[in-house]
Amino acid sequence: MSKHTIEVNGIRLYAHHGCLPEETAIGGHYIVDVAITTDFTEAMQHDDLSATVDYVDVNRIVAREMAVPSKLIEHVGYRIVQALKSEVSGIDSIKVKVIKLTPPINGDVDNVAIVIEG
């Protein structure tokens, strides 16, 4: 079996995650990167979208899960991984990175991020 990677990077979203009440009320900017290891040999040989992971589905699932408020980005990242694994066929492994831009942590920080691989 061949090993290939499909990446959907820089999914930009506005969402309402955080432990502070202001974070969930006001919301903030996030970026999500997804890397899926799969075998798309058939898709590349036959130019067939049904034989690979559809980027549109990945983006839709990420956006849907990011729209559900969580206290922790670890939790929303977990939900994204679980949803992708259950709803998208052909995934051998997955890596999801959730980036929270300008977090309210009393410092000059561009972002914080979590990465889940599985």
N, C-alpha and C. Protein backbone atom coordinates (compact mmCIF):
# COMPACT_ATOMS: atom_id res chain seq x y z
N MET A 1 0.84 -1.19 0.00
CA MET A 1 0.00 0.00 0.00
C MET A 1 0.88 1.25 0.00
N SER A 2 0.52 2.19 -0.82
CA SER A 2 1.24 3.46 -0.86
C SER A 2 0.78 4.35 0.28
N LYS A 3 1.67 5.25 0.68
CA LYS A 3 1.34 6.18 1.75
C LYS A 3 1.41 7.60 1.19
N HIS A 4 0.31 8.30 1.30
CA HIS A 4 0.21 9.66 0.80
C HIS A 4 -0.36 10.55 1.89
N THR A 5 -0.12 11.84 1.76
CA THR A 5 -0.66 12.79 2.74
C THR A 5 -1.47 13.85 2.03
N ILE A 6 -2.65 14.10 2.57
CA ILE A 6 -3.49 15.21 2.13
C ILE A 6 -3.50 16.22 3.27
N GLU A 7 -3.19 17.46 2.96
CA GLU A 7 -3.19 18.52 3.96
C GLU A 7 -4.22 19.59 3.61
N VAL A 8 -4.94 20.01 4.62
CA VAL A 8 -5.82 21.17 4.49
C VAL A 8 -5.32 22.13 5.57
N ASN A 9 -4.61 23.15 5.16
CA ASN A 9 -3.92 24.04 6.09
C ASN A 9 -4.53 25.44 6.10
N GLY A 10 -4.41 26.06 7.26
CA GLY A 10 -4.84 27.46 7.37
C GLY A 10 -6.34 27.66 7.32
N ILE A 11 -7.09 26.71 7.88
CA ILE A 11 -8.55 26.89 7.95
C ILE A 11 -8.79 27.99 9.00
N ARG A 12 -9.22 29.14 8.55
CA ARG A 12 -9.39 30.29 9.44
C ARG A 12 -10.84 30.38 9.90
N LEU A 13 -10.99 30.48 11.23
CA LEU A 13 -12.32 30.48 11.82
C LEU A 13 -12.39 31.45 12.98
N TYR A 14 -13.58 31.93 13.23
CA TYR A 14 -13.86 32.70 14.44
C TYR A 14 -14.71 31.79 15.31
N ALA A 15 -14.26 31.55 16.55
CA ALA A 15 -14.96 30.59 17.40
C ALA A 15 -14.96 31.08 18.85
N HIS A 16 -15.70 30.38 19.67
CA HIS A 16 -15.93 30.79 21.07
C HIS A 16 -15.43 29.73 22.04
N HIS A 17 -14.10 29.61 22.15
CA HIS A 17 -13.49 28.64 23.05
C HIS A 17 -12.70 29.39 24.12
N GLY A 18 -12.65 28.83 25.31
CA GLY A 18 -11.84 29.40 26.37
C GLY A 18 -12.43 29.14 27.74
N CYS A 19 -11.56 29.22 28.73
CA CYS A 19 -11.99 29.00 30.13
C CYS A 19 -12.62 30.25 30.73
N LEU A 20 -12.23 31.42 30.22
CA LEU A 20 -12.77 32.66 30.75
C LEU A 20 -14.13 32.95 30.12
N PRO A 21 -15.09 33.43 30.90
CA PRO A 21 -16.42 33.74 30.34
C PRO A 21 -16.35 34.73 29.18
N GLU A 22 -15.41 35.68 29.24
CA GLU A 22 -15.28 36.67 28.16
C GLU A 22 -14.88 35.99 26.85
N GLU A 23 -14.03 34.95 26.94
CA GLU A 23 -13.58 34.26 25.72
C GLU A 23 -14.73 33.58 25.01
N THR A 24 -15.59 32.93 25.78
CA THR A 24 -16.72 32.24 25.15
C THR A 24 -17.77 33.23 24.68
N ALA A 25 -17.88 34.38 25.35
CA ALA A 25 -18.86 35.39 24.93
C ALA A 25 -18.37 36.16 23.71
N ILE A 26 -17.13 36.62 23.75
CA ILE A 26 -16.59 37.46 22.68
C ILE A 26 -16.07 36.63 21.52
N GLY A 27 -15.39 35.53 21.81
CA GLY A 27 -14.81 34.69 20.77
C GLY A 27 -13.43 35.16 20.37
N GLY A 28 -12.84 34.44 19.45
CA GLY A 28 -11.51 34.78 18.98
C GLY A 28 -11.19 34.10 17.66
N HIS A 29 -10.01 34.42 17.15
CA HIS A 29 -9.58 33.89 15.85
C HIS A 29 -8.74 32.63 16.04
N TYR A 30 -8.99 31.67 15.16
CA TYR A 30 -8.31 30.38 15.20
C TYR A 30 -7.88 29.98 13.81
N ILE A 31 -6.85 29.14 13.76
CA ILE A 31 -6.41 28.51 12.52
C ILE A 31 -6.29 27.02 12.80
N VAL A 32 -6.79 26.20 11.89
CA VAL A 32 -6.70 24.75 12.04
C VAL A 32 -5.98 24.18 10.82
N ASP A 33 -5.01 23.31 11.08
CA ASP A 33 -4.31 22.57 10.03
C ASP A 33 -4.62 21.09 10.21
N VAL A 34 -4.89 20.41 9.09
CA VAL A 34 -5.20 18.99 9.12
C VAL A 34 -4.30 18.28 8.12
N ALA A 35 -3.65 17.20 8.57
CA ALA A 35 -2.87 16.34 7.68
C ALA A 35 -3.40 14.92 7.82
N ILE A 36 -3.79 14.33 6.70
CA ILE A 36 -4.36 12.99 6.69
C ILE A 36 -3.47 12.08 5.86
N THR A 37 -3.04 10.98 6.47
CA THR A 37 -2.29 9.96 5.73
C THR A 37 -3.29 8.95 5.19
N THR A 38 -3.17 8.69 3.90
CA THR A 38 -4.13 7.82 3.22
C THR A 38 -3.43 7.20 2.01
N ASP A 39 -4.15 6.46 1.23
CA ASP A 39 -3.64 5.92 -0.03
C ASP A 39 -4.54 6.43 -1.15
N PHE A 40 -4.02 7.42 -1.91
CA PHE A 40 -4.84 7.94 -3.01
C PHE A 40 -4.31 7.53 -4.38
N THR A 41 -3.72 6.33 -4.43
CA THR A 41 -3.20 5.80 -5.69
C THR A 41 -4.28 5.75 -6.76
N GLU A 42 -5.42 5.18 -6.42
CA GLU A 42 -6.51 5.06 -7.39
C GLU A 42 -6.99 6.43 -7.86
N ALA A 43 -7.10 7.36 -6.94
CA ALA A 43 -7.56 8.71 -7.29
C ALA A 43 -6.60 9.39 -8.25
N MET A 44 -5.30 9.27 -8.01
CA MET A 44 -4.34 9.96 -8.88
C MET A 44 -4.20 9.26 -10.22
N GLN A 45 -4.41 7.96 -10.25
CA GLN A 45 -4.30 7.23 -11.53
C GLN A 45 -5.53 7.43 -12.40
N HIS A 46 -6.70 7.57 -11.77
CA HIS A 46 -7.95 7.64 -12.53
C HIS A 46 -8.66 8.99 -12.43
N ASP A 47 -8.01 9.95 -11.78
CA ASP A 47 -8.58 11.29 -11.66
C ASP A 47 -10.00 11.23 -11.08
N ASP A 48 -10.12 10.51 -9.94
CA ASP A 48 -11.42 10.19 -9.37
C ASP A 48 -11.51 10.70 -7.93
N LEU A 49 -12.31 11.74 -7.70
CA LEU A 49 -12.46 12.33 -6.38
C LEU A 49 -13.03 11.33 -5.37
N SER A 50 -13.88 10.42 -5.82
CA SER A 50 -14.50 9.48 -4.88
C SER A 50 -13.48 8.48 -4.31
N ALA A 51 -12.28 8.45 -4.85
CA ALA A 51 -11.25 7.51 -4.39
C ALA A 51 -10.22 8.18 -3.49
N THR A 52 -10.56 9.35 -2.96
CA THR A 52 -9.64 10.06 -2.07
C THR A 52 -10.43 10.84 -1.03
N VAL A 53 -9.72 11.52 -0.17
CA VAL A 53 -10.33 12.37 0.85
C VAL A 53 -10.68 13.71 0.21
N ASP A 54 -11.92 14.12 0.35
CA ASP A 54 -12.39 15.38 -0.23
C ASP A 54 -12.10 16.53 0.73
N TYR A 55 -11.33 17.52 0.27
CA TYR A 55 -10.97 18.68 1.10
C TYR A 55 -12.21 19.41 1.61
N VAL A 56 -13.27 19.42 0.81
CA VAL A 56 -14.50 20.10 1.19
C VAL A 56 -15.08 19.45 2.46
N ASP A 57 -15.05 18.13 2.52
CA ASP A 57 -15.55 17.42 3.71
C ASP A 57 -14.71 17.75 4.93
N VAL A 58 -13.38 17.79 4.76
CA VAL A 58 -12.48 18.11 5.87
C VAL A 58 -12.80 19.50 6.40
N ASN A 59 -12.90 20.47 5.52
CA ASN A 59 -13.19 21.85 5.93
C ASN A 59 -14.54 21.95 6.63
N ARG A 60 -15.55 21.28 6.10
CA ARG A 60 -16.90 21.30 6.67
C ARG A 60 -16.91 20.73 8.08
N ILE A 61 -16.24 19.60 8.28
CA ILE A 61 -16.20 18.96 9.60
C ILE A 61 -15.45 19.83 10.60
N VAL A 62 -14.33 20.39 10.19
CA VAL A 62 -13.57 21.28 11.09
C VAL A 62 -14.42 22.48 11.48
N ALA A 63 -15.06 23.12 10.52
CA ALA A 63 -15.89 24.30 10.80
C ALA A 63 -17.04 23.95 11.74
N ARG A 64 -17.67 22.81 11.52
CA ARG A 64 -18.78 22.38 12.38
C ARG A 64 -18.32 22.16 13.82
N GLU A 65 -17.22 21.47 14.00
CA GLU A 65 -16.73 21.19 15.35
C GLU A 65 -16.20 22.45 16.03
N MET A 66 -15.59 23.35 15.28
CA MET A 66 -15.09 24.60 15.86
C MET A 66 -16.24 25.50 16.29
N ALA A 67 -17.42 25.31 15.72
CA ALA A 67 -18.58 26.14 16.07
C ALA A 67 -19.20 25.76 17.42
N VAL A 68 -18.80 24.61 17.96
CA VAL A 68 -19.30 24.16 19.26
C VAL A 68 -18.32 24.61 20.33
N PRO A 69 -18.73 25.52 21.24
CA PRO A 69 -17.81 26.05 22.24
C PRO A 69 -17.23 24.97 23.16
N SER A 70 -15.95 25.11 23.45
CA SER A 70 -15.24 24.25 24.41
C SER A 70 -14.40 25.15 25.30
N LYS A 71 -14.15 24.70 26.52
CA LYS A 71 -13.25 25.45 27.38
C LYS A 71 -11.81 25.34 26.88
N LEU A 72 -11.45 24.15 26.39
CA LEU A 72 -10.07 23.89 25.99
C LEU A 72 -9.97 23.61 24.50
N ILE A 73 -8.90 24.13 23.87
CA ILE A 73 -8.68 23.79 22.46
C ILE A 73 -8.27 22.32 22.34
N GLU A 74 -7.76 21.74 23.41
CA GLU A 74 -7.48 20.31 23.41
C GLU A 74 -8.75 19.52 23.15
N HIS A 75 -9.85 19.96 23.75
CA HIS A 75 -11.13 19.27 23.61
C HIS A 75 -11.68 19.42 22.19
N VAL A 76 -11.64 20.61 21.66
CA VAL A 76 -12.16 20.80 20.30
C VAL A 76 -11.27 20.06 19.29
N GLY A 77 -9.97 20.02 19.52
CA GLY A 77 -9.07 19.26 18.65
C GLY A 77 -9.42 17.78 18.66
N TYR A 78 -9.69 17.26 19.85
CA TYR A 78 -10.10 15.86 20.00
C TYR A 78 -11.38 15.58 19.23
N ARG A 79 -12.36 16.49 19.35
CA ARG A 79 -13.63 16.31 18.64
C ARG A 79 -13.42 16.31 17.13
N ILE A 80 -12.54 17.18 16.65
CA ILE A 80 -12.25 17.24 15.21
C ILE A 80 -11.67 15.92 14.74
N VAL A 81 -10.68 15.40 15.47
CA VAL A 81 -10.06 14.12 15.11
C VAL A 81 -11.10 13.01 15.08
N GLN A 82 -11.92 12.92 16.12
CA GLN A 82 -12.93 11.86 16.20
C GLN A 82 -13.94 11.96 15.06
N ALA A 83 -14.38 13.17 14.76
CA ALA A 83 -15.37 13.36 13.68
C ALA A 83 -14.77 13.00 12.33
N LEU A 84 -13.54 13.42 12.07
CA LEU A 84 -12.90 13.08 10.79
C LEU A 84 -12.75 11.57 10.66
N LYS A 85 -12.28 10.92 11.72
CA LYS A 85 -12.09 9.46 11.66
C LYS A 85 -13.41 8.73 11.43
N SER A 86 -14.49 9.22 12.01
CA SER A 86 -15.76 8.51 11.88
C SER A 86 -16.51 8.85 10.59
N GLU A 87 -16.25 10.03 10.01
CA GLU A 87 -17.04 10.47 8.87
C GLU A 87 -16.32 10.42 7.52
N VAL A 88 -15.00 10.28 7.55
CA VAL A 88 -14.23 10.27 6.31
C VAL A 88 -13.55 8.91 6.17
N SER A 89 -13.79 8.24 5.06
CA SER A 89 -13.20 6.92 4.88
C SER A 89 -11.79 7.04 4.29
N GLY A 90 -11.00 6.01 4.53
CA GLY A 90 -9.67 5.94 3.94
C GLY A 90 -8.57 6.60 4.74
N ILE A 91 -8.85 7.02 5.98
CA ILE A 91 -7.83 7.67 6.80
C ILE A 91 -7.00 6.60 7.50
N ASP A 92 -5.69 6.62 7.25
CA ASP A 92 -4.78 5.72 7.95
C ASP A 92 -4.30 6.36 9.25
N SER A 93 -3.96 7.63 9.19
CA SER A 93 -3.60 8.38 10.39
C SER A 93 -3.93 9.85 10.14
N ILE A 94 -3.93 10.61 11.23
CA ILE A 94 -4.35 11.99 11.13
C ILE A 94 -3.55 12.85 12.10
N LYS A 95 -3.35 14.10 11.71
CA LYS A 95 -2.71 15.09 12.57
C LYS A 95 -3.53 16.37 12.47
N VAL A 96 -3.96 16.87 13.63
CA VAL A 96 -4.76 18.10 13.68
C VAL A 96 -4.04 19.10 14.58
N LYS A 97 -3.88 20.30 14.09
CA LYS A 97 -3.28 21.39 14.87
C LYS A 97 -4.32 22.50 14.98
N VAL A 98 -4.63 22.88 16.23
CA VAL A 98 -5.57 23.98 16.48
C VAL A 98 -4.75 25.12 17.08
N ILE A 99 -4.79 26.26 16.42
CA ILE A 99 -4.01 27.44 16.82
C ILE A 99 -4.97 28.53 17.28
N LYS A 100 -4.76 29.02 18.48
CA LYS A 100 -5.55 30.14 19.02
C LYS A 100 -4.69 31.39 18.91
N LEU A 101 -5.15 32.35 18.11
CA LEU A 101 -4.40 33.58 17.89
C LEU A 101 -4.61 34.56 19.05
N THR A 102 -3.57 35.27 19.38
CA THR A 102 -3.55 36.29 20.45
C THR A 102 -4.35 35.87 21.68
N PRO A 103 -3.90 34.82 22.36
CA PRO A 103 -4.62 34.36 23.55
C PRO A 103 -4.49 35.35 24.71
N PRO A 104 -5.52 35.44 25.56
CA PRO A 104 -5.48 36.37 26.69
C PRO A 104 -4.68 35.77 27.86
N ILE A 105 -3.33 35.81 27.76
CA ILE A 105 -2.53 35.18 28.81
C ILE A 105 -1.54 36.16 29.47
N ASN A 106 -1.88 37.44 29.48
CA ASN A 106 -1.03 38.46 30.12
C ASN A 106 0.40 38.45 29.60
N GLY A 107 0.53 38.41 28.30
CA GLY A 107 1.85 38.45 27.67
C GLY A 107 1.71 38.73 26.20
N ASP A 108 2.81 39.09 25.58
CA ASP A 108 2.83 39.38 24.15
C ASP A 108 3.10 38.07 23.40
N VAL A 109 2.03 37.33 23.13
CA VAL A 109 2.13 36.01 22.51
C VAL A 109 1.31 36.01 21.23
N ASP A 110 1.94 35.57 20.14
CA ASP A 110 1.22 35.49 18.87
C ASP A 110 0.09 34.46 18.92
N ASN A 111 0.42 33.27 19.44
CA ASN A 111 -0.58 32.21 19.46
C ASN A 111 -0.17 31.10 20.40
N VAL A 112 -1.15 30.26 20.72
CA VAL A 112 -0.90 28.99 21.39
C VAL A 112 -1.52 27.91 20.50
N ALA A 113 -1.00 26.69 20.62
CA ALA A 113 -1.49 25.64 19.73
C ALA A 113 -1.42 24.28 20.42
N ILE A 114 -2.28 23.38 19.96
CA ILE A 114 -2.21 21.99 20.36
C ILE A 114 -2.12 21.16 19.08
N VAL A 115 -1.47 20.02 19.18
CA VAL A 115 -1.36 19.09 18.05
C VAL A 115 -1.78 17.71 18.55
N ILE A 116 -2.68 17.09 17.81
CA ILE A 116 -3.11 15.73 18.12
C ILE A 116 -2.80 14.85 16.92
N GLU A 117 -2.11 13.75 17.16
CA GLU A 117 -1.82 12.79 16.11
C GLU A 117 -2.39 11.44 16.48
N GLY A 118 -2.94 10.78 15.49
CA GLY A 118 -3.50 9.46 15.80
C GLY A 118 -3.92 8.72 14.58
